[in-house]
Amino acid sequence: MFREILPFNCPPASARENKMEVFRIVKTEIPTEQDFTSYTNLYPANIRYKTLCKAFALSFYDTIQNAKIARNEALERGNNLGSFIAQYELNETHGASDYKPKTGHYSTWLYNSWDFKNFNPSFVKEIK
């Protein structure tokens, strides 16, 4: 069902399938499939990520502003997530998302049926 083999009790029971406009930080003006790689695949040597449910999810945000805040916080920690924000429409067939209203962050676990080739942004904007 999910794109990756997930740890026990992952995603959490609070995760839901939704149709929503979301924003994702991407590296370049033309997003690539690499922009949609989970931390477990980006950092396979990190043993902690093998059982950390959120490491299997992708991060999306409810507003451009919340995406910018997350990027700036990551930069302060020495992690450059990307220089662009892309808007996407997630729907029920893409995966299940857990939402944190305080930060506007969605952790999204993608389904096997999700296909990068058919996941096109509404727009991509450089972060200034």
N, C-alpha and C. Protein backbone atom coordinates (compact mmCIF):
# COMPACT_ATOMS: atom_id res chain seq x y z
N MET A 1 0.82 -1.20 0.00
CA MET A 1 0.00 0.00 0.00
C MET A 1 0.87 1.27 0.00
N PHE A 2 1.86 1.34 0.91
CA PHE A 2 2.74 2.50 0.95
C PHE A 2 3.97 2.24 0.10
N ARG A 3 4.60 3.31 -0.34
CA ARG A 3 5.79 3.26 -1.20
C ARG A 3 6.97 2.57 -0.53
N GLU A 4 7.03 2.66 0.78
CA GLU A 4 8.14 2.08 1.52
C GLU A 4 7.60 1.14 2.59
N ILE A 5 8.43 0.23 3.05
CA ILE A 5 8.07 -0.63 4.17
C ILE A 5 8.25 0.22 5.42
N LEU A 6 7.15 0.44 6.12
CA LEU A 6 7.14 1.36 7.25
C LEU A 6 7.29 0.63 8.57
N PRO A 7 7.81 1.33 9.59
CA PRO A 7 7.90 0.73 10.91
C PRO A 7 6.51 0.47 11.50
N PHE A 8 6.48 -0.30 12.56
CA PHE A 8 5.23 -0.62 13.25
C PHE A 8 4.52 0.66 13.68
N ASN A 9 3.20 0.68 13.54
CA ASN A 9 2.35 1.83 13.90
C ASN A 9 2.67 3.09 13.10
N CYS A 10 3.09 2.91 11.90
CA CYS A 10 3.41 4.03 11.02
C CYS A 10 2.63 3.85 9.72
N PRO A 11 1.96 4.90 9.24
CA PRO A 11 1.82 6.22 9.83
C PRO A 11 0.96 6.17 11.09
N PRO A 12 0.98 7.26 11.87
CA PRO A 12 0.18 7.29 13.09
C PRO A 12 -1.32 7.27 12.77
N ALA A 13 -2.10 6.89 13.76
CA ALA A 13 -3.55 6.79 13.59
C ALA A 13 -4.17 8.14 13.21
N SER A 14 -3.49 9.23 13.52
CA SER A 14 -4.01 10.57 13.21
C SER A 14 -3.84 10.95 11.74
N ALA A 15 -3.08 10.18 10.97
CA ALA A 15 -2.86 10.48 9.54
C ALA A 15 -4.14 10.25 8.76
N ARG A 16 -4.41 11.16 7.83
CA ARG A 16 -5.64 11.11 7.03
C ARG A 16 -5.34 11.33 5.56
N GLU A 17 -6.22 10.78 4.74
CA GLU A 17 -6.19 11.08 3.32
C GLU A 17 -7.00 12.37 3.11
N ASN A 18 -6.42 13.32 2.43
CA ASN A 18 -7.10 14.60 2.22
C ASN A 18 -6.84 15.12 0.82
N LYS A 19 -7.71 16.00 0.38
CA LYS A 19 -7.47 16.76 -0.84
C LYS A 19 -7.14 18.17 -0.38
N MET A 20 -5.93 18.65 -0.74
CA MET A 20 -5.50 19.95 -0.24
C MET A 20 -4.37 20.51 -1.08
N GLU A 21 -4.28 21.83 -1.07
CA GLU A 21 -3.15 22.53 -1.68
C GLU A 21 -2.04 22.58 -0.64
N VAL A 22 -0.84 22.19 -1.05
CA VAL A 22 0.30 22.17 -0.14
C VAL A 22 1.53 22.76 -0.82
N PHE A 23 2.53 23.05 -0.02
CA PHE A 23 3.77 23.64 -0.52
C PHE A 23 4.94 22.78 -0.07
N ARG A 24 5.89 22.58 -0.99
CA ARG A 24 7.07 21.77 -0.68
C ARG A 24 8.32 22.55 -1.08
N ILE A 25 9.33 22.48 -0.24
CA ILE A 25 10.62 23.08 -0.54
C ILE A 25 11.35 22.13 -1.48
N VAL A 26 11.82 22.67 -2.61
CA VAL A 26 12.54 21.86 -3.60
C VAL A 26 13.87 22.54 -3.94
N LYS A 27 14.77 21.77 -4.50
CA LYS A 27 16.13 22.26 -4.76
C LYS A 27 16.22 23.22 -5.95
N THR A 28 15.49 22.92 -7.03
CA THR A 28 15.65 23.68 -8.26
C THR A 28 14.30 24.14 -8.80
N GLU A 29 14.35 25.01 -9.78
CA GLU A 29 13.12 25.56 -10.36
C GLU A 29 12.27 24.49 -11.04
N ILE A 30 12.91 23.45 -11.51
CA ILE A 30 12.18 22.31 -12.08
C ILE A 30 12.38 21.14 -11.11
N PRO A 31 11.37 20.84 -10.28
CA PRO A 31 11.52 19.77 -9.31
C PRO A 31 11.85 18.44 -9.97
N THR A 32 12.65 17.65 -9.26
CA THR A 32 13.02 16.32 -9.74
C THR A 32 12.51 15.28 -8.76
N GLU A 33 12.56 14.04 -9.17
CA GLU A 33 12.11 12.96 -8.29
C GLU A 33 12.95 12.92 -7.01
N GLN A 34 14.19 13.36 -7.10
CA GLN A 34 15.06 13.43 -5.92
C GLN A 34 14.47 14.34 -4.84
N ASP A 35 13.70 15.34 -5.22
CA ASP A 35 13.04 16.23 -4.26
C ASP A 35 11.97 15.52 -3.44
N PHE A 36 11.64 14.30 -3.81
CA PHE A 36 10.59 13.54 -3.14
C PHE A 36 11.14 12.23 -2.57
N THR A 37 12.35 12.32 -2.03
CA THR A 37 13.01 11.18 -1.42
C THR A 37 12.95 11.34 0.10
N SER A 38 12.54 10.29 0.78
CA SER A 38 12.44 10.34 2.24
C SER A 38 13.82 10.35 2.88
N TYR A 39 13.88 10.79 4.13
CA TYR A 39 15.16 10.81 4.86
C TYR A 39 15.74 9.40 4.98
N THR A 40 14.89 8.39 5.10
CA THR A 40 15.41 7.03 5.20
C THR A 40 16.20 6.63 3.96
N ASN A 41 15.79 7.15 2.81
CA ASN A 41 16.52 6.85 1.57
C ASN A 41 17.66 7.83 1.31
N LEU A 42 17.51 9.07 1.77
CA LEU A 42 18.60 10.04 1.61
C LEU A 42 19.79 9.70 2.50
N TYR A 43 19.50 9.16 3.68
CA TYR A 43 20.55 8.88 4.67
C TYR A 43 20.44 7.43 5.16
N PRO A 44 20.71 6.47 4.29
CA PRO A 44 20.52 5.06 4.66
C PRO A 44 21.44 4.59 5.80
N ALA A 45 22.55 5.27 6.02
CA ALA A 45 23.46 4.87 7.10
C ALA A 45 22.97 5.33 8.48
N ASN A 46 21.98 6.21 8.52
CA ASN A 46 21.48 6.71 9.79
C ASN A 46 20.55 5.67 10.41
N ILE A 47 21.03 4.97 11.40
CA ILE A 47 20.28 3.88 12.02
C ILE A 47 18.99 4.38 12.66
N ARG A 48 19.01 5.58 13.21
CA ARG A 48 17.82 6.16 13.86
C ARG A 48 16.65 6.26 12.89
N TYR A 49 16.93 6.56 11.63
CA TYR A 49 15.87 6.74 10.64
C TYR A 49 15.16 5.44 10.28
N LYS A 50 15.75 4.30 10.57
CA LYS A 50 15.14 3.03 10.19
C LYS A 50 13.87 2.73 10.98
N THR A 51 13.73 3.34 12.16
CA THR A 51 12.54 3.10 12.98
C THR A 51 11.75 4.38 13.27
N LEU A 52 12.23 5.51 12.79
CA LEU A 52 11.55 6.79 13.02
C LEU A 52 10.50 7.00 11.94
N CYS A 53 9.25 6.93 12.31
CA CYS A 53 8.15 7.00 11.35
C CYS A 53 8.23 8.24 10.47
N LYS A 54 8.49 9.41 11.05
CA LYS A 54 8.54 10.65 10.28
C LYS A 54 9.64 10.64 9.22
N ALA A 55 10.67 9.84 9.40
CA ALA A 55 11.77 9.78 8.43
C ALA A 55 11.32 9.13 7.12
N PHE A 56 10.20 8.44 7.15
CA PHE A 56 9.65 7.81 5.94
C PHE A 56 8.66 8.72 5.22
N ALA A 57 8.32 9.84 5.85
CA ALA A 57 7.33 10.77 5.29
C ALA A 57 8.03 11.90 4.53
N LEU A 58 7.25 12.56 3.69
CA LEU A 58 7.70 13.78 3.03
C LEU A 58 7.04 14.96 3.72
N SER A 59 7.74 16.07 3.76
CA SER A 59 7.21 17.28 4.40
C SER A 59 6.57 18.20 3.38
N PHE A 60 5.37 18.62 3.71
CA PHE A 60 4.65 19.64 2.97
C PHE A 60 4.16 20.66 3.99
N TYR A 61 3.78 21.85 3.51
CA TYR A 61 3.32 22.92 4.39
C TYR A 61 2.01 23.49 3.89
N ASP A 62 1.23 24.06 4.80
CA ASP A 62 -0.08 24.59 4.43
C ASP A 62 -0.01 25.97 3.79
N THR A 63 1.09 26.70 4.00
CA THR A 63 1.25 28.03 3.39
C THR A 63 2.69 28.22 2.93
N ILE A 64 2.88 29.15 2.02
CA ILE A 64 4.23 29.50 1.59
C ILE A 64 5.02 30.03 2.79
N GLN A 65 4.37 30.84 3.61
CA GLN A 65 5.06 31.42 4.77
C GLN A 65 5.58 30.33 5.71
N ASN A 66 4.78 29.32 5.99
CA ASN A 66 5.24 28.23 6.87
C ASN A 66 6.38 27.44 6.24
N ALA A 67 6.36 27.29 4.92
CA ALA A 67 7.47 26.63 4.23
C ALA A 67 8.75 27.46 4.35
N LYS A 68 8.63 28.77 4.21
CA LYS A 68 9.79 29.65 4.36
C LYS A 68 10.36 29.59 5.77
N ILE A 69 9.50 29.57 6.75
CA ILE A 69 9.95 29.49 8.15
C ILE A 69 10.72 28.19 8.35
N ALA A 70 10.18 27.08 7.86
CA ALA A 70 10.85 25.79 8.01
C ALA A 70 12.21 25.79 7.31
N ARG A 71 12.28 26.39 6.14
CA ARG A 71 13.55 26.47 5.41
C ARG A 71 14.56 27.28 6.20
N ASN A 72 14.14 28.42 6.73
CA ASN A 72 15.06 29.27 7.49
C ASN A 72 15.55 28.57 8.75
N GLU A 73 14.67 27.85 9.42
CA GLU A 73 15.08 27.09 10.61
C GLU A 73 16.09 26.00 10.24
N ALA A 74 15.86 25.34 9.11
CA ALA A 74 16.80 24.32 8.66
C ALA A 74 18.16 24.94 8.32
N LEU A 75 18.14 26.11 7.66
CA LEU A 75 19.40 26.80 7.34
C LEU A 75 20.17 27.14 8.61
N GLU A 76 19.46 27.55 9.67
CA GLU A 76 20.12 27.85 10.94
C GLU A 76 20.80 26.62 11.53
N ARG A 77 20.27 25.42 11.21
CA ARG A 77 20.88 24.16 11.67
C ARG A 77 21.93 23.65 10.69
N GLY A 78 22.17 24.41 9.61
CA GLY A 78 23.17 24.01 8.62
C GLY A 78 22.66 23.07 7.56
N ASN A 79 21.35 23.01 7.36
CA ASN A 79 20.75 22.11 6.39
C ASN A 79 19.98 22.92 5.35
N ASN A 80 20.47 22.95 4.11
CA ASN A 80 19.80 23.68 3.04
C ASN A 80 18.83 22.75 2.32
N LEU A 81 17.55 22.93 2.57
CA LEU A 81 16.53 22.08 1.97
C LEU A 81 16.28 22.38 0.50
N GLY A 82 16.56 23.60 0.10
CA GLY A 82 16.32 24.01 -1.28
C GLY A 82 16.09 25.50 -1.37
N SER A 83 16.03 25.99 -2.59
CA SER A 83 15.89 27.44 -2.83
C SER A 83 14.57 27.81 -3.47
N PHE A 84 13.67 26.84 -3.61
CA PHE A 84 12.40 27.07 -4.28
C PHE A 84 11.26 26.45 -3.47
N ILE A 85 10.07 27.02 -3.65
CA ILE A 85 8.85 26.45 -3.07
C ILE A 85 7.92 26.12 -4.23
N ALA A 86 7.43 24.89 -4.22
CA ALA A 86 6.50 24.44 -5.25
C ALA A 86 5.14 24.17 -4.62
N GLN A 87 4.09 24.56 -5.32
CA GLN A 87 2.73 24.28 -4.85
C GLN A 87 2.21 23.04 -5.55
N TYR A 88 1.59 22.16 -4.77
CA TYR A 88 1.03 20.92 -5.29
C TYR A 88 -0.37 20.72 -4.76
N GLU A 89 -1.12 19.88 -5.42
CA GLU A 89 -2.39 19.43 -4.89
C GLU A 89 -2.23 17.97 -4.50
N LEU A 90 -2.35 17.70 -3.22
CA LEU A 90 -2.38 16.32 -2.73
C LEU A 90 -3.82 15.87 -2.73
N ASN A 91 -4.04 14.61 -3.04
CA ASN A 91 -5.40 14.09 -2.92
C ASN A 91 -5.38 12.71 -2.26
N GLU A 92 -6.54 12.14 -2.10
CA GLU A 92 -6.71 10.90 -1.35
C GLU A 92 -5.91 9.74 -1.94
N THR A 93 -5.58 9.78 -3.21
CA THR A 93 -4.85 8.68 -3.83
C THR A 93 -3.34 8.80 -3.66
N HIS A 94 -2.86 9.91 -3.16
CA HIS A 94 -1.41 10.12 -3.03
C HIS A 94 -0.82 9.53 -1.76
N GLY A 95 -1.57 9.59 -0.67
CA GLY A 95 -1.04 9.07 0.59
C GLY A 95 -1.83 9.57 1.78
N ALA A 96 -1.27 9.32 2.95
CA ALA A 96 -1.89 9.75 4.20
C ALA A 96 -0.99 10.79 4.85
N SER A 97 -1.61 11.83 5.41
CA SER A 97 -0.87 12.95 5.98
C SER A 97 -1.26 13.18 7.44
N ASP A 98 -0.27 13.53 8.23
CA ASP A 98 -0.48 13.93 9.61
C ASP A 98 -0.15 15.41 9.69
N TYR A 99 -1.08 16.21 10.20
CA TYR A 99 -0.96 17.67 10.20
C TYR A 99 -0.68 18.21 11.59
N LYS A 100 0.26 19.15 11.66
CA LYS A 100 0.58 19.86 12.90
C LYS A 100 0.21 21.34 12.70
N PRO A 101 -0.95 21.76 13.20
CA PRO A 101 -1.42 23.14 12.98
C PRO A 101 -0.45 24.22 13.45
N LYS A 102 0.27 23.97 14.53
CA LYS A 102 1.17 24.99 15.08
C LYS A 102 2.24 25.42 14.07
N THR A 103 2.73 24.45 13.28
CA THR A 103 3.79 24.75 12.30
C THR A 103 3.28 24.72 10.87
N GLY A 104 2.04 24.27 10.67
CA GLY A 104 1.51 24.15 9.31
C GLY A 104 2.18 23.03 8.53
N HIS A 105 2.74 22.05 9.24
CA HIS A 105 3.51 20.98 8.62
C HIS A 105 2.68 19.72 8.42
N TYR A 106 2.76 19.16 7.22
CA TYR A 106 2.17 17.87 6.92
C TYR A 106 3.29 16.85 6.75
N SER A 107 3.24 15.77 7.50
CA SER A 107 4.09 14.61 7.23
C SER A 107 3.23 13.70 6.36
N THR A 108 3.72 13.39 5.17
CA THR A 108 2.91 12.62 4.22
C THR A 108 3.64 11.34 3.82
N TRP A 109 2.97 10.22 4.05
CA TRP A 109 3.48 8.92 3.65
C TRP A 109 2.80 8.56 2.33
N LEU A 110 3.58 8.47 1.29
CA LEU A 110 3.04 8.25 -0.06
C LEU A 110 2.67 6.79 -0.30
N TYR A 111 1.61 6.61 -1.08
CA TYR A 111 1.18 5.28 -1.50
C TYR A 111 2.00 4.81 -2.70
N ASN A 112 1.96 3.52 -2.92
CA ASN A 112 2.62 2.94 -4.11
C ASN A 112 2.10 3.57 -5.40
N SER A 113 0.84 3.96 -5.40
CA SER A 113 0.22 4.50 -6.62
C SER A 113 0.71 5.90 -6.96
N TRP A 114 1.36 6.60 -6.01
CA TRP A 114 1.87 7.94 -6.29
C TRP A 114 2.93 7.85 -7.36
N ASP A 115 2.85 8.75 -8.34
CA ASP A 115 3.78 8.73 -9.47
C ASP A 115 4.31 10.14 -9.71
N PHE A 116 5.60 10.31 -9.57
CA PHE A 116 6.22 11.62 -9.75
C PHE A 116 5.88 12.21 -11.12
N LYS A 117 5.84 11.38 -12.15
CA LYS A 117 5.57 11.88 -13.51
C LYS A 117 4.19 12.53 -13.63
N ASN A 118 3.28 12.17 -12.75
CA ASN A 118 1.93 12.73 -12.78
C ASN A 118 1.67 13.68 -11.62
N PHE A 119 2.73 14.14 -10.98
CA PHE A 119 2.61 15.03 -9.82
C PHE A 119 3.28 16.35 -10.19
N ASN A 120 2.51 17.20 -10.82
CA ASN A 120 3.06 18.44 -11.35
C ASN A 120 2.69 19.63 -10.47
N PRO A 121 3.66 20.52 -10.25
CA PRO A 121 3.35 21.69 -9.42
C PRO A 121 2.45 22.68 -10.14
N SER A 122 1.64 23.40 -9.36
CA SER A 122 0.85 24.50 -9.90
C SER A 122 1.77 25.66 -10.23
N PHE A 123 2.77 25.85 -9.39
CA PHE A 123 3.80 26.85 -9.65
C PHE A 123 5.02 26.55 -8.80
N VAL A 124 6.15 27.11 -9.21
CA VAL A 124 7.40 27.02 -8.44
C VAL A 124 7.92 28.44 -8.31
N LYS A 125 8.28 28.81 -7.10
CA LYS A 125 8.71 30.18 -6.83
C LYS A 125 10.03 30.16 -6.07
N GLU A 126 10.96 31.02 -6.49
CA GLU A 126 12.23 31.11 -5.78
C GLU A 126 12.01 31.76 -4.42
N ILE A 127 12.69 31.23 -3.42
CA ILE A 127 12.58 31.79 -2.07
C ILE A 127 13.51 32.98 -1.98
N LYS A 128 12.96 34.10 -1.59
CA LYS A 128 13.76 35.33 -1.49
C LYS A 128 13.76 35.83 -0.08
